[in-house]
Amino acid sequence: QVQLQESGGGSVQSGGSLRLSCTASGFMISRNCMGWFRQTPGKMREGVASMSIGGGSTYYADSVKGRFTISQDNDKNTLNLQMDSLKPEDTAMYYCAADPPAKCLFRPAGWLTASSPKYWGQGTQVTVSS
């Protein structure tokens, strides 16, 4: 059974940092499409960051480039998102998501922007105050 469990959300002031983690069970993150998405009420879901299968390449939304870093720990089967220089507009519910490898193998960048992943965590709230 595939499960994704996020942790690490919270409240921080503008300019601060948070680190999100997503622990996966039932599959190996290194062999599947993995990424972080976020959503705020009234707005469309946004792909934030993703990794190619195996973790060789990373992809980011323009809004977070240079501030967020996605990584994976294969030993712990965990996907991480380091968020620095946070801004109030980063306030959202953040979700870890996964898809079978065929969904992103040939279009890893496109998966972040145009996909609807099959598996989702329950989400973790990030709130950035000005």
C-alpha atoms as a PDB file:
ATOM      1  CA  GLN A   1       0.000   0.000   0.000  1.00  0.00           C
ATOM      2  CA  VAL A   2       1.437   3.325  -1.092  1.00  0.00           C
ATOM      3  CA  GLN A   3       1.544   5.954   1.625  1.00  0.00           C
ATOM      4  CA  LEU A   4       3.092   9.412   1.819  1.00  0.00           C
ATOM      5  CA  GLN A   5       3.483  11.250   5.102  1.00  0.00           C
ATOM      6  CA  GLU A   6       4.608  14.882   5.202  1.00  0.00           C
ATOM      7  CA  SER A   7       6.113  16.655   8.177  1.00  0.00           C
ATOM      8  CA  GLY A   8       7.929  19.876   8.960  1.00  0.00           C
ATOM      9  CA  GLY A   9       5.375  22.547   8.209  1.00  0.00           C
ATOM     10  CA  GLY A  10       4.760  25.452  10.526  1.00  0.00           C
ATOM     11  CA  SER A  11       4.755  29.202  10.919  1.00  0.00           C
ATOM     12  CA  VAL A  12       7.759  31.392  10.202  1.00  0.00           C
ATOM     13  CA  GLN A  13       8.482  35.036   9.556  1.00  0.00           C
ATOM     14  CA  SER A  14       9.374  36.360   6.153  1.00  0.00           C
ATOM     15  CA  GLY A  15      12.982  35.522   5.326  1.00  0.00           C
ATOM     16  CA  GLY A  16      12.984  32.439   7.493  1.00  0.00           C
ATOM     17  CA  SER A  17      13.454  28.784   6.616  1.00  0.00           C
ATOM     18  CA  LEU A  18      11.569  25.521   6.930  1.00  0.00           C
ATOM     19  CA  ARG A  19      12.372  21.979   5.906  1.00  0.00           C
ATOM     20  CA  LEU A  20       9.626  19.642   4.792  1.00  0.00           C
ATOM     21  CA  SER A  21      10.010  15.890   4.703  1.00  0.00           C
ATOM     22  CA  CYS A  22       7.910  13.213   3.050  1.00  0.00           C
ATOM     23  CA  THR A  23       8.351   9.634   4.187  1.00  0.00           C
ATOM     24  CA  ALA A  24       7.155   7.088   1.675  1.00  0.00           C
ATOM     25  CA  SER A  25       6.089   3.503   2.261  1.00  0.00           C
ATOM     26  CA  GLY A  26       4.975   0.784  -0.088  1.00  0.00           C
ATOM     27  CA  PHE A  27       7.316   1.824  -2.894  1.00  0.00           C
ATOM     28  CA  MET A  28      10.815   3.176  -3.523  1.00  0.00           C
ATOM     29  CA  ILE A  29      11.008   6.908  -4.159  1.00  0.00           C
ATOM     30  CA  SER A  30      14.164   6.487  -6.244  1.00  0.00           C
ATOM     31  CA  ARG A  31      12.201   4.533  -8.872  1.00  0.00           C
ATOM     32  CA  ASN A  32       9.149   6.748  -9.160  1.00  0.00           C
ATOM     33  CA  CYS A  33       8.155  10.298 -10.029  1.00  0.00           C
ATOM     34  CA  MET A  34       8.329  12.435  -6.872  1.00  0.00           C
ATOM     35  CA  GLY A  35       7.559  16.056  -6.202  1.00  0.00           C
ATOM     36  CA  TRP A  36       6.149  18.782  -4.006  1.00  0.00           C
ATOM     37  CA  PHE A  37       2.995  20.732  -4.817  1.00  0.00           C
ATOM     38  CA  ARG A  38       1.199  23.496  -2.970  1.00  0.00           C
ATOM     39  CA  GLN A  39      -2.248  24.985  -2.902  1.00  0.00           C
ATOM     40  CA  THR A  40      -4.012  27.924  -1.289  1.00  0.00           C
ATOM     41  CA  PRO A  41      -7.783  28.402  -1.150  1.00  0.00           C
ATOM     42  CA  GLY A  42      -9.114  29.907  -4.355  1.00  0.00           C
ATOM     43  CA  LYS A  43      -5.943  29.252  -6.336  1.00  0.00           C
ATOM     44  CA  MET A  44      -4.904  26.476  -8.646  1.00  0.00           C
ATOM     45  CA  ARG A  45      -2.521  23.863  -7.366  1.00  0.00           C
ATOM     46  CA  GLU A  46       1.090  24.679  -8.203  1.00  0.00           C
ATOM     47  CA  GLY A  47       3.942  22.305  -8.807  1.00  0.00           C
ATOM     48  CA  VAL A  48       6.811  23.506  -6.616  1.00  0.00           C
ATOM     49  CA  ALA A  49       9.708  21.102  -7.145  1.00  0.00           C
ATOM     50  CA  SER A  50      10.381  17.637  -8.509  1.00  0.00           C
ATOM     51  CA  MET A  51      13.204  15.237  -9.167  1.00  0.00           C
ATOM     52  CA  SER A  52      13.913  13.005 -12.110  1.00  0.00           C
ATOM     53  CA  ILE A  53      13.814   9.281 -11.459  1.00  0.00           C
ATOM     54  CA  GLY A  54      16.991   8.442  -9.598  1.00  0.00           C
ATOM     55  CA  GLY A  55      17.429  12.046  -8.488  1.00  0.00           C
ATOM     56  CA  GLY A  56      19.885  13.164 -11.147  1.00  0.00           C
ATOM     57  CA  SER A  57      17.961  16.302 -12.102  1.00  0.00           C
ATOM     58  CA  THR A  58      15.736  18.730 -10.259  1.00  0.00           C
ATOM     59  CA  TYR A  59      12.991  21.036 -11.470  1.00  0.00           C
ATOM     60  CA  TYR A  60      11.473  24.080  -9.819  1.00  0.00           C
ATOM     61  CA  ALA A  61       8.664  26.515 -10.316  1.00  0.00           C
ATOM     62  CA  ASP A  62       9.996  29.935 -11.296  1.00  0.00           C
ATOM     63  CA  SER A  63       8.519  31.370  -8.110  1.00  0.00           C
ATOM     64  CA  VAL A  64      10.818  29.286  -5.881  1.00  0.00           C
ATOM     65  CA  LYS A  65      14.001  28.939  -7.938  1.00  0.00           C
ATOM     66  CA  GLY A  66      17.070  29.859  -5.931  1.00  0.00           C
ATOM     67  CA  ARG A  67      15.191  29.621  -2.646  1.00  0.00           C
ATOM     68  CA  PHE A  68      13.929  26.030  -2.436  1.00  0.00           C
ATOM     69  CA  THR A  69      15.962  22.843  -2.741  1.00  0.00           C
ATOM     70  CA  ILE A  70      14.505  19.398  -3.282  1.00  0.00           C
ATOM     71  CA  SER A  71      16.459  16.308  -2.282  1.00  0.00           C
ATOM     72  CA  GLN A  72      15.936  12.676  -1.499  1.00  0.00           C
ATOM     73  CA  ASP A  73      17.375  10.253   1.031  1.00  0.00           C
ATOM     74  CA  ASN A  74      17.101   6.825  -0.510  1.00  0.00           C
ATOM     75  CA  ASP A  75      18.203   5.045   2.669  1.00  0.00           C
ATOM     76  CA  LYS A  76      15.284   6.584   4.547  1.00  0.00           C
ATOM     77  CA  ASN A  77      13.001   6.575   1.489  1.00  0.00           C
ATOM     78  CA  THR A  78      12.319  10.231   2.167  1.00  0.00           C
ATOM     79  CA  LEU A  79      11.815  13.264  -0.054  1.00  0.00           C
ATOM     80  CA  ASN A  80      12.818  16.631   1.388  1.00  0.00           C
ATOM     81  CA  LEU A  81      12.176  20.262   0.545  1.00  0.00           C
ATOM     82  CA  GLN A  82      14.449  22.890   2.067  1.00  0.00           C
ATOM     83  CA  MET A  83      12.737  26.257   1.889  1.00  0.00           C
ATOM     84  CA  ASP A  84      14.850  29.359   2.483  1.00  0.00           C
ATOM     85  CA  SER A  85      14.144  33.076   2.169  1.00  0.00           C
ATOM     86  CA  LEU A  86      10.468  32.366   2.623  1.00  0.00           C
ATOM     87  CA  LYS A  87       7.957  34.966   1.529  1.00  0.00           C
ATOM     88  CA  PRO A  88       4.329  35.527   2.568  1.00  0.00           C
ATOM     89  CA  GLU A  89       3.260  34.348  -0.888  1.00  0.00           C
ATOM     90  CA  ASP A  90       4.760  30.931  -0.068  1.00  0.00           C
ATOM     91  CA  THR A  91       1.965  30.424   2.460  1.00  0.00           C
ATOM     92  CA  ALA A  92       0.055  27.315   1.384  1.00  0.00           C
ATOM     93  CA  MET A  93      -0.702  23.710   2.114  1.00  0.00           C
ATOM     94  CA  TYR A  94       2.228  21.697   0.803  1.00  0.00           C
ATOM     95  CA  TYR A  95       1.729  18.202  -0.531  1.00  0.00           C
ATOM     96  CA  CYS A  96       4.125  15.414  -1.389  1.00  0.00           C
ATOM     97  CA  ALA A  97       3.063  13.489  -4.485  1.00  0.00           C
ATOM     98  CA  ALA A  98       4.161  10.443  -6.417  1.00  0.00           C
ATOM     99  CA  ASP A  99       3.428   8.795  -9.730  1.00  0.00           C
ATOM    100  CA  PRO A 100       4.481   5.606 -11.496  1.00  0.00           C
ATOM    101  CA  PRO A 101       7.720   6.100 -13.463  1.00  0.00           C
ATOM    102  CA  ALA A 102       6.057   6.054 -16.884  1.00  0.00           C
ATOM    103  CA  LYS A 103       4.348   9.357 -16.045  1.00  0.00           C
ATOM    104  CA  CYS A 104       7.575  11.369 -15.920  1.00  0.00           C
ATOM    105  CA  LEU A 105      10.351   9.266 -17.434  1.00  0.00           C
ATOM    106  CA  PHE A 106      10.305  11.073 -20.789  1.00  0.00           C
ATOM    107  CA  ARG A 107       9.048  14.461 -19.605  1.00  0.00           C
ATOM    108  CA  PRO A 108      10.414  15.090 -16.116  1.00  0.00           C
ATOM    109  CA  ALA A 109      10.008  18.863 -16.292  1.00  0.00           C
ATOM    110  CA  GLY A 110       6.518  18.626 -17.735  1.00  0.00           C
ATOM    111  CA  TRP A 111       5.381  16.327 -14.967  1.00  0.00           C
ATOM    112  CA  LEU A 112       5.721  19.133 -12.437  1.00  0.00           C
ATOM    113  CA  THR A 113       3.568  21.555 -14.391  1.00  0.00           C
ATOM    114  CA  ALA A 114       1.033  19.419 -16.201  1.00  0.00           C
ATOM    115  CA  SER A 115       0.475  16.265 -14.218  1.00  0.00           C
ATOM    116  CA  SER A 116      -2.110  15.047 -11.768  1.00  0.00           C
ATOM    117  CA  PRO A 117      -0.166  12.584  -9.635  1.00  0.00           C
ATOM    118  CA  LYS A 118      -1.826   9.404  -8.508  1.00  0.00           C
ATOM    119  CA  TYR A 119      -0.576   9.374  -4.914  1.00  0.00           C
ATOM    120  CA  TRP A 120      -0.747  12.218  -2.390  1.00  0.00           C
ATOM    121  CA  GLY A 121       0.141  12.850   1.211  1.00  0.00           C
ATOM    122  CA  GLN A 122      -2.265  14.547   3.576  1.00  0.00           C
ATOM    123  CA  GLY A 123      -0.430  17.854   3.354  1.00  0.00           C
ATOM    124  CA  THR A 124       1.409  20.109   5.772  1.00  0.00           C
ATOM    125  CA  GLN A 125       0.633  23.783   6.305  1.00  0.00           C
ATOM    126  CA  VAL A 126       3.279  26.442   5.789  1.00  0.00           C
ATOM    127  CA  THR A 127       2.475  29.963   6.941  1.00  0.00           C
ATOM    128  CA  VAL A 128       4.844  32.864   6.350  1.00  0.00           C
ATOM    129  CA  SER A 129       4.094  36.154   8.056  1.00  0.00           C
ATOM    130  CA  SER A 130       5.416  39.514   6.953  1.00  0.00           C
END
